[in-house]
Amino acid sequence: MFQKLTVIGGGATGLTAAGYFSMLGLDVTLYDSEAYASILNSVTQAGGILMRGAIRGFGTPRKVTMNPAEAIPEAEVIFVDVMSDRHEEVARVIAPYLHDGQHILIMPGNLGSFIFRRVFKEMNISADVTVSEKEGNFCPCRLSDQAEVTVGMFRGAGGLISSLPASDTQRAIEAMEGPCHFKAGKNVLEGTLEAGNVIMHIGSTLLSATAIDHQQNEFSLFKYAFTPSTVTLTAKIREERLQVIEACGFTEHLNNMGMIDKLLHPQDHPENHYFRDYMDGPYAVNHRYLNEDCSCGGALAVSMGRRLGFEMPLMTSLLTIAGAINGRDYLKEGRTLENLGFDESMTLEEIFAKIA
């Protein structure tokens, strides 16, 4: 059982992980860059992190720092809880301080392992470390005040993880046993292909664009977005992606339509009170609900579908519309098979063998 954990991330997920594992008795360091100084300083001043909602208590990380030399070398396990557009930044910052035997877990993975491995290769990092990805986030949560997080839903520190290469997965799981209870996925592509947020966020955010523009910081996707029309669209997105999942030989891990039905009938599901009432936002359409989920799980699904002969017209259209609104080309710049370094001539079987 590991004892020394470094959590990278000054946002809600990073503070939640740091607070939760501190409450379990681990020796936790919370780290992020100077850009997150105000949040990290508030944790230092408060003496820890107040946990509200589905996790309640007060977590006290032993160290809160903006210095990677203080955060990385002593860690046995490193959790990376940042948005996908920061993966390269984080990889370059921590690389010089890594050493044999450490374990890096990116939550949610979003194919960040490819970025970390590429950066480590470019920087000639020879340390024997595992780089793994969690399927989905640690838990839904929000910063609700200075040094305070509200957790919408929590089922424990578990779920599926996969390493790059997949042969490292069991070693990573065993290193994190005790505080965590992860299970092995097939590979990192499976984890991002099956990302639940792609189904929950993309269609519902796009259909809510005018409401988001009008309501801004009063908007809540999980309160207002899931109307019958949105549910119909969401179901069709899921059906289109399910064809790709099954053609890959995978099994769908989560059918989000069950959760959406609970959101439509909140009076019958009081257990989702914190999730529905406190997981607010997005306050703008140019938000991670589109920027991250379109460029990672959405773009990957389209590129994998094309390798299998599925055009995925609905997902392609949604990514195109989202890109037009946000001035992005998610399919061109996103984490597609091609952009991950897999030539168009490679079959999925060849790709899976390469990352095994």
Protein backbone atom coordinates (compact mmCIF):
# COMPACT_ATOMS: atom_id res chain seq x y z
CA MET A 1 0.00 0.00 0.00
CA PHE A 2 1.43 3.34 -1.01
CA GLN A 3 1.64 6.26 1.43
CA LYS A 4 3.07 9.22 -0.47
CA LEU A 5 0.73 10.75 -3.04
CA THR A 6 1.16 13.90 -5.09
CA VAL A 7 -2.01 15.35 -6.62
CA ILE A 8 -1.44 17.72 -9.55
CA GLY A 9 -4.35 20.06 -10.07
CA GLY A 10 -5.55 23.28 -8.49
CA GLY A 11 -9.11 22.87 -9.75
CA ALA A 12 -12.08 21.12 -8.18
CA THR A 13 -10.96 17.57 -9.00
CA GLY A 14 -7.44 18.13 -7.72
CA LEU A 15 -8.66 19.59 -4.43
CA THR A 16 -11.23 16.81 -4.04
CA ALA A 17 -8.63 14.09 -4.56
CA ALA A 18 -6.14 15.80 -2.24
CA GLY A 19 -8.79 16.27 0.44
CA TYR A 20 -10.23 12.77 0.18
CA PHE A 21 -6.93 10.88 0.28
CA SER A 22 -5.69 13.09 3.11
CA MET A 23 -8.79 12.04 5.05
CA LEU A 24 -7.79 8.41 4.45
CA GLY A 25 -4.48 9.08 6.18
CA LEU A 26 -2.16 9.27 3.17
CA ASP A 27 0.78 11.65 3.04
CA VAL A 28 -0.57 14.01 0.35
CA THR A 29 1.13 16.83 -1.52
CA LEU A 30 -1.06 19.17 -3.56
CA TYR A 31 0.80 20.80 -6.45
CA ASP A 32 0.04 23.13 -9.32
CA SER A 33 1.66 26.05 -11.14
CA GLU A 34 1.73 29.72 -10.22
CA ALA A 35 -1.43 30.18 -12.29
CA TYR A 36 -3.30 28.50 -9.41
CA ALA A 37 -1.59 30.46 -6.65
CA SER A 38 -4.77 31.99 -5.26
CA ILE A 39 -6.46 28.60 -4.85
CA LEU A 40 -3.39 26.90 -3.39
CA ASN A 41 -2.77 29.80 -1.02
CA SER A 42 -6.36 29.59 0.18
CA VAL A 43 -5.81 25.91 1.06
CA THR A 44 -2.66 26.80 2.98
CA GLN A 45 -4.42 29.61 4.86
CA ALA A 46 -7.40 27.39 5.72
CA GLY A 47 -5.14 24.56 6.86
CA GLY A 48 -6.81 22.12 4.48
CA ILE A 49 -9.81 21.47 2.25
CA LEU A 50 -13.44 21.43 3.38
CA MET A 51 -15.37 18.61 1.70
CA ARG A 52 -19.13 19.01 1.23
CA GLY A 53 -21.85 17.02 -0.49
CA ALA A 54 -21.31 13.34 -1.22
CA ILE A 55 -17.96 13.42 0.66
CA ARG A 56 -18.00 15.26 3.98
CA GLY A 57 -15.05 16.14 6.16
CA PHE A 58 -11.85 18.15 6.26
CA GLY A 59 -8.77 16.98 4.39
CA THR A 60 -5.32 18.25 5.36
CA PRO A 61 -2.60 17.73 2.74
CA ARG A 62 0.82 17.68 4.38
CA LYS A 63 2.24 19.99 1.73
CA VAL A 64 0.79 22.52 -0.71
CA THR A 65 3.34 23.79 -3.20
CA MET A 66 3.96 25.41 -6.57
CA ASN A 67 7.46 23.92 -6.78
CA PRO A 68 7.68 20.63 -8.72
CA ALA A 69 11.01 19.84 -7.07
CA GLU A 70 9.13 19.63 -3.77
CA ALA A 71 6.15 17.75 -5.16
CA ILE A 72 7.39 15.05 -7.51
CA PRO A 73 10.57 13.28 -6.29
CA GLU A 74 9.14 11.93 -3.01
CA ALA A 75 5.85 10.72 -4.49
CA GLU A 76 5.13 7.03 -4.94
CA VAL A 77 1.96 7.78 -6.90
CA ILE A 78 1.16 10.92 -8.91
CA PHE A 79 -2.43 11.77 -9.78
CA VAL A 80 -2.81 14.21 -12.68
CA ASP A 81 -6.15 15.99 -12.33
CA VAL A 82 -6.02 18.71 -14.99
CA MET A 83 -7.84 19.44 -18.23
CA SER A 84 -6.51 17.72 -21.32
CA ASP A 85 -5.09 20.90 -22.84
CA ARG A 86 -2.61 21.02 -19.93
CA HIS A 87 -1.26 17.49 -20.35
CA GLU A 88 1.84 18.52 -22.27
CA GLU A 89 2.59 21.39 -19.88
CA VAL A 90 2.39 19.07 -16.87
CA ALA A 91 4.42 16.32 -18.51
CA ARG A 92 7.27 18.73 -19.29
CA VAL A 93 7.28 20.19 -15.78
CA ILE A 94 7.38 16.89 -13.90
CA ALA A 95 9.64 14.92 -16.27
CA PRO A 96 13.02 16.01 -14.79
CA TYR A 97 11.98 14.90 -11.29
CA LEU A 98 10.75 11.38 -12.06
CA HIS A 99 12.55 8.26 -10.88
CA ASP A 100 12.18 4.48 -11.18
CA GLY A 101 9.16 2.93 -9.51
CA GLN A 102 6.74 5.85 -9.63
CA HIS A 103 3.19 5.55 -10.96
CA ILE A 104 1.35 8.31 -12.84
CA LEU A 105 -2.44 8.19 -13.16
CA ILE A 106 -4.24 10.73 -15.37
CA MET A 107 -7.88 11.34 -14.34
CA PRO A 108 -9.76 11.48 -16.66
CA GLY A 109 -7.28 9.93 -19.06
CA ASN A 110 -8.43 11.45 -22.37
CA LEU A 111 -5.41 9.84 -24.08
CA GLY A 112 -3.00 11.92 -22.04
CA SER A 113 -0.71 8.91 -21.74
CA PHE A 114 0.32 9.39 -25.38
CA ILE A 115 1.25 13.00 -24.62
CA PHE A 116 3.24 12.05 -21.50
CA ARG A 117 5.09 9.23 -23.28
CA ARG A 118 5.96 11.47 -26.22
CA VAL A 119 7.24 14.23 -23.97
CA PHE A 120 9.31 11.82 -21.87
CA LYS A 121 10.86 10.43 -25.06
CA GLU A 122 11.64 13.91 -26.40
CA MET A 123 13.24 14.84 -23.07
CA ASN A 124 15.24 11.58 -22.89
CA ILE A 125 13.62 10.56 -19.61
CA SER A 126 14.68 7.00 -18.84
CA ALA A 127 12.90 6.56 -15.49
CA ASP A 128 10.87 3.34 -15.28
CA VAL A 129 7.44 4.77 -14.45
CA THR A 130 3.97 3.55 -15.33
CA VAL A 131 1.66 6.00 -17.09
CA SER A 132 -2.01 5.09 -16.77
CA GLU A 133 -5.39 6.60 -17.48
CA LYS A 134 -8.63 6.37 -15.55
CA GLU A 135 -11.81 5.94 -17.56
CA GLY A 136 -13.85 8.95 -16.49
CA ASN A 137 -13.12 11.50 -13.82
CA PHE A 138 -12.42 10.92 -10.13
CA CYS A 139 -15.90 12.25 -9.31
CA PRO A 140 -18.21 15.14 -10.29
CA CYS A 141 -17.32 18.11 -8.09
CA ARG A 142 -17.13 21.90 -8.00
CA LEU A 143 -15.13 24.55 -6.17
CA SER A 144 -17.83 26.04 -3.95
CA ASP A 145 -15.73 28.49 -1.93
CA GLN A 146 -12.13 29.22 -0.96
CA ALA A 147 -10.50 25.88 -0.04
CA GLU A 148 -13.89 24.19 -0.32
CA VAL A 149 -15.30 21.62 -2.75
CA THR A 150 -18.78 20.18 -3.15
CA VAL A 151 -18.93 16.61 -4.46
CA GLY A 152 -22.00 15.69 -6.45
CA MET A 153 -21.62 11.92 -6.45
CA PHE A 154 -19.01 9.48 -5.15
CA ARG A 155 -18.69 5.73 -5.44
CA GLY A 156 -15.21 5.34 -4.03
CA ALA A 157 -11.74 5.44 -5.55
CA GLY A 158 -12.30 2.77 -8.15
CA GLY A 159 -13.21 2.22 -11.77
CA LEU A 160 -11.26 1.05 -14.80
CA ILE A 161 -7.70 2.10 -15.54
CA SER A 162 -5.35 1.19 -18.37
CA SER A 163 -1.67 1.86 -18.84
CA LEU A 164 0.37 2.70 -21.90
CA PRO A 165 1.54 0.09 -22.68
CA ALA A 166 -1.30 -2.11 -21.39
CA SER A 167 1.25 -4.61 -20.06
CA ASP A 168 1.93 -2.13 -17.22
CA THR A 169 -1.69 -2.00 -16.06
CA GLN A 170 -1.56 -4.75 -13.46
CA ARG A 171 1.63 -3.34 -11.97
CA ALA A 172 -0.04 0.05 -11.59
CA ILE A 173 -3.18 -1.44 -10.04
CA GLU A 174 -1.16 -3.40 -7.49
CA ALA A 175 0.86 -0.30 -6.57
CA MET A 176 -2.33 1.63 -5.80
CA GLU A 177 -4.22 -1.12 -3.98
CA GLY A 178 -5.54 -0.22 -0.57
CA PRO A 179 -6.62 3.41 -0.90
CA CYS A 180 -7.82 2.61 -4.45
CA HIS A 181 -9.64 -0.37 -5.91
CA PHE A 182 -9.11 -0.09 -9.64
CA LYS A 183 -9.76 -2.77 -12.22
CA ALA A 184 -8.00 -3.28 -15.53
CA GLY A 185 -9.41 -1.99 -18.79
CA LYS A 186 -8.26 -3.43 -22.10
CA ASN A 187 -6.23 -0.39 -23.22
CA VAL A 188 -6.20 3.40 -23.08
CA LEU A 189 -8.13 3.73 -26.35
CA GLU A 190 -11.03 1.80 -24.86
CA GLY A 191 -11.15 4.10 -21.85
CA THR A 192 -11.47 7.29 -23.89
CA LEU A 193 -13.77 5.76 -26.51
CA GLU A 194 -16.22 4.89 -23.73
CA ALA A 195 -15.98 8.22 -21.88
CA GLY A 196 -19.39 8.95 -20.36
CA ASN A 197 -19.03 12.71 -20.69
CA VAL A 198 -19.08 12.49 -24.48
CA ILE A 199 -22.66 11.25 -24.24
CA MET A 200 -23.69 13.52 -21.34
CA HIS A 201 -22.12 16.79 -22.48
CA ILE A 202 -21.79 17.34 -26.22
CA GLY A 203 -25.37 17.19 -27.51
CA SER A 204 -26.93 18.69 -24.37
CA THR A 205 -24.49 21.63 -24.34
CA LEU A 206 -25.04 22.40 -28.02
CA LEU A 207 -28.84 22.31 -27.73
CA SER A 208 -28.55 24.59 -24.69
CA ALA A 209 -26.30 27.16 -26.38
CA THR A 210 -28.85 29.99 -26.42
CA ALA A 211 -29.87 29.32 -22.81
CA ILE A 212 -26.20 29.31 -21.75
CA ASP A 213 -25.64 32.62 -23.56
CA HIS A 214 -28.64 34.18 -21.80
CA GLN A 215 -28.29 32.70 -18.31
CA GLN A 216 -24.48 32.54 -18.10
CA ASN A 217 -23.52 31.95 -14.45
CA GLU A 218 -27.07 30.95 -13.57
CA PHE A 219 -27.15 28.04 -16.02
CA SER A 220 -27.03 24.43 -14.86
CA LEU A 221 -26.84 21.68 -17.47
CA PHE A 222 -28.16 19.01 -15.14
CA LYS A 223 -31.15 21.10 -14.10
CA TYR A 224 -32.21 22.62 -17.40
CA ALA A 225 -30.69 20.85 -20.40
CA PHE A 226 -32.25 17.40 -20.38
CA THR A 227 -35.62 17.98 -22.01
CA PRO A 228 -37.33 15.34 -24.18
CA SER A 229 -35.65 16.71 -27.33
CA THR A 230 -32.21 16.60 -25.74
CA VAL A 231 -32.81 13.09 -24.45
CA THR A 232 -33.78 11.92 -27.94
CA LEU A 233 -30.58 13.38 -29.40
CA THR A 234 -28.45 11.96 -26.58
CA ALA A 235 -29.87 8.48 -27.13
CA LYS A 236 -29.00 8.64 -30.83
CA ILE A 237 -25.44 9.78 -30.05
CA ARG A 238 -25.08 6.79 -27.74
CA GLU A 239 -26.46 4.38 -30.36
CA GLU A 240 -24.04 5.67 -32.99
CA ARG A 241 -21.04 5.30 -30.68
CA LEU A 242 -22.20 1.89 -29.44
CA GLN A 243 -21.73 0.50 -32.95
CA VAL A 244 -18.05 1.44 -32.77
CA ILE A 245 -17.61 0.09 -29.24
CA GLU A 246 -19.05 -3.28 -30.20
CA ALA A 247 -17.18 -3.45 -33.52
CA CYS A 248 -13.94 -2.98 -31.54
CA GLY A 249 -14.82 -6.04 -29.47
CA PHE A 250 -15.46 -3.94 -26.36
CA THR A 251 -18.50 -3.95 -24.08
CA GLU A 252 -20.27 -0.72 -23.18
CA HIS A 253 -19.30 0.07 -19.59
CA LEU A 254 -21.90 2.71 -18.81
CA ASN A 255 -25.26 3.56 -20.33
CA ASN A 256 -25.74 7.22 -19.40
CA MET A 257 -29.40 7.14 -20.34
CA GLY A 258 -30.18 5.71 -16.90
CA MET A 259 -28.63 8.73 -15.21
CA ILE A 260 -30.41 11.09 -17.58
CA ASP A 261 -33.74 9.48 -16.71
CA LYS A 262 -33.01 10.17 -13.03
CA LEU A 263 -32.30 13.82 -13.85
CA LEU A 264 -35.67 14.03 -15.62
CA HIS A 265 -37.43 12.71 -12.52
CA PRO A 266 -35.60 14.29 -9.58
CA GLN A 267 -38.51 13.76 -7.19
CA ASP A 268 -38.00 10.00 -7.52
CA HIS A 269 -34.25 10.15 -6.98
CA PRO A 270 -33.38 12.28 -3.94
CA GLU A 271 -30.02 10.50 -3.78
CA ASN A 272 -28.92 12.70 -6.71
CA HIS A 273 -29.67 15.92 -4.82
CA TYR A 274 -26.06 17.10 -4.63
CA PHE A 275 -25.34 16.20 -8.23
CA ARG A 276 -28.37 18.01 -9.65
CA ASP A 277 -28.32 21.03 -7.36
CA TYR A 278 -24.61 21.77 -7.04
CA MET A 279 -22.97 20.61 -10.29
CA ASP A 280 -23.68 23.89 -12.07
CA GLY A 281 -22.47 25.28 -15.40
CA PRO A 282 -21.28 25.52 -18.06
CA TYR A 283 -21.45 29.31 -17.99
CA ALA A 284 -20.26 29.66 -21.60
CA VAL A 285 -20.34 27.44 -24.69
CA ASN A 286 -16.55 27.80 -25.01
CA HIS A 287 -16.14 25.39 -22.10
CA ARG A 288 -14.48 22.06 -21.40
CA TYR A 289 -17.85 20.31 -21.93
CA LEU A 290 -17.22 20.93 -25.62
CA ASN A 291 -13.52 21.73 -25.92
CA GLU A 292 -12.37 18.64 -24.03
CA ASP A 293 -15.07 16.12 -24.86
CA CYS A 294 -15.15 17.01 -28.57
CA SER A 295 -11.38 17.04 -29.02
CA CYS A 296 -10.75 13.85 -27.02
CA GLY A 297 -13.53 11.26 -26.77
CA GLY A 298 -15.59 12.65 -29.64
CA ALA A 299 -12.72 12.97 -32.10
CA LEU A 300 -11.37 9.55 -31.16
CA ALA A 301 -14.77 7.90 -31.68
CA VAL A 302 -15.06 9.38 -35.18
CA SER A 303 -11.54 8.33 -36.17
CA MET A 304 -11.99 4.80 -34.80
CA GLY A 305 -15.34 4.54 -36.53
CA ARG A 306 -13.75 5.46 -39.85
CA ARG A 307 -11.14 2.70 -39.44
CA LEU A 308 -14.05 0.32 -39.06
CA GLY A 309 -16.05 1.72 -41.98
CA PHE A 310 -18.55 3.74 -39.87
CA GLU A 311 -18.87 7.38 -40.91
CA MET A 312 -20.64 8.49 -37.68
CA PRO A 313 -22.58 11.34 -39.34
CA LEU A 314 -24.26 12.54 -36.13
CA MET A 315 -21.09 12.80 -34.04
CA THR A 316 -19.23 14.33 -36.97
CA SER A 317 -21.94 16.96 -37.40
CA LEU A 318 -22.01 17.81 -33.69
CA LEU A 319 -18.22 18.23 -33.57
CA THR A 320 -18.37 20.40 -36.69
CA ILE A 321 -21.09 22.63 -35.24
CA ALA A 322 -19.34 22.90 -31.88
CA GLY A 323 -16.13 23.80 -33.67
CA ALA A 324 -17.89 26.47 -35.73
CA ILE A 325 -19.25 28.09 -32.55
CA ASN A 326 -15.94 27.94 -30.69
CA GLY A 327 -13.58 28.64 -33.59
CA ARG A 328 -11.99 25.20 -33.40
CA ASP A 329 -11.58 22.21 -35.70
CA TYR A 330 -11.96 19.34 -33.26
CA LEU A 331 -11.60 16.64 -35.88
CA LYS A 332 -8.42 18.13 -37.33
CA GLU A 333 -6.69 19.11 -34.07
CA GLY A 334 -8.23 16.51 -31.74
CA ARG A 335 -6.84 13.26 -30.37
CA THR A 336 -7.63 11.12 -33.38
CA LEU A 337 -5.78 7.92 -34.23
CA GLU A 338 -3.85 9.84 -36.87
CA ASN A 339 -2.79 12.59 -34.45
CA LEU A 340 -1.73 9.96 -31.92
CA GLY A 341 0.74 8.65 -34.47
CA PHE A 342 -1.14 5.73 -36.04
CA ASP A 343 -0.86 5.83 -39.81
CA GLU A 344 -4.11 5.56 -41.79
CA SER A 345 -2.95 2.24 -43.20
CA MET A 346 -2.95 0.60 -39.74
CA THR A 347 -5.91 -1.51 -38.72
CA LEU A 348 -7.34 -1.34 -35.23
CA GLU A 349 -5.97 -4.82 -34.55
CA GLU A 350 -2.48 -3.57 -35.41
CA ILE A 351 -2.96 -0.49 -33.24
CA PHE A 352 -4.20 -2.54 -30.27
CA ALA A 353 -1.20 -4.83 -30.62
CA LYS A 354 1.15 -1.84 -30.63
CA ILE A 355 -0.17 -0.48 -27.31
CA ALA A 356 -0.59 -3.86 -25.60
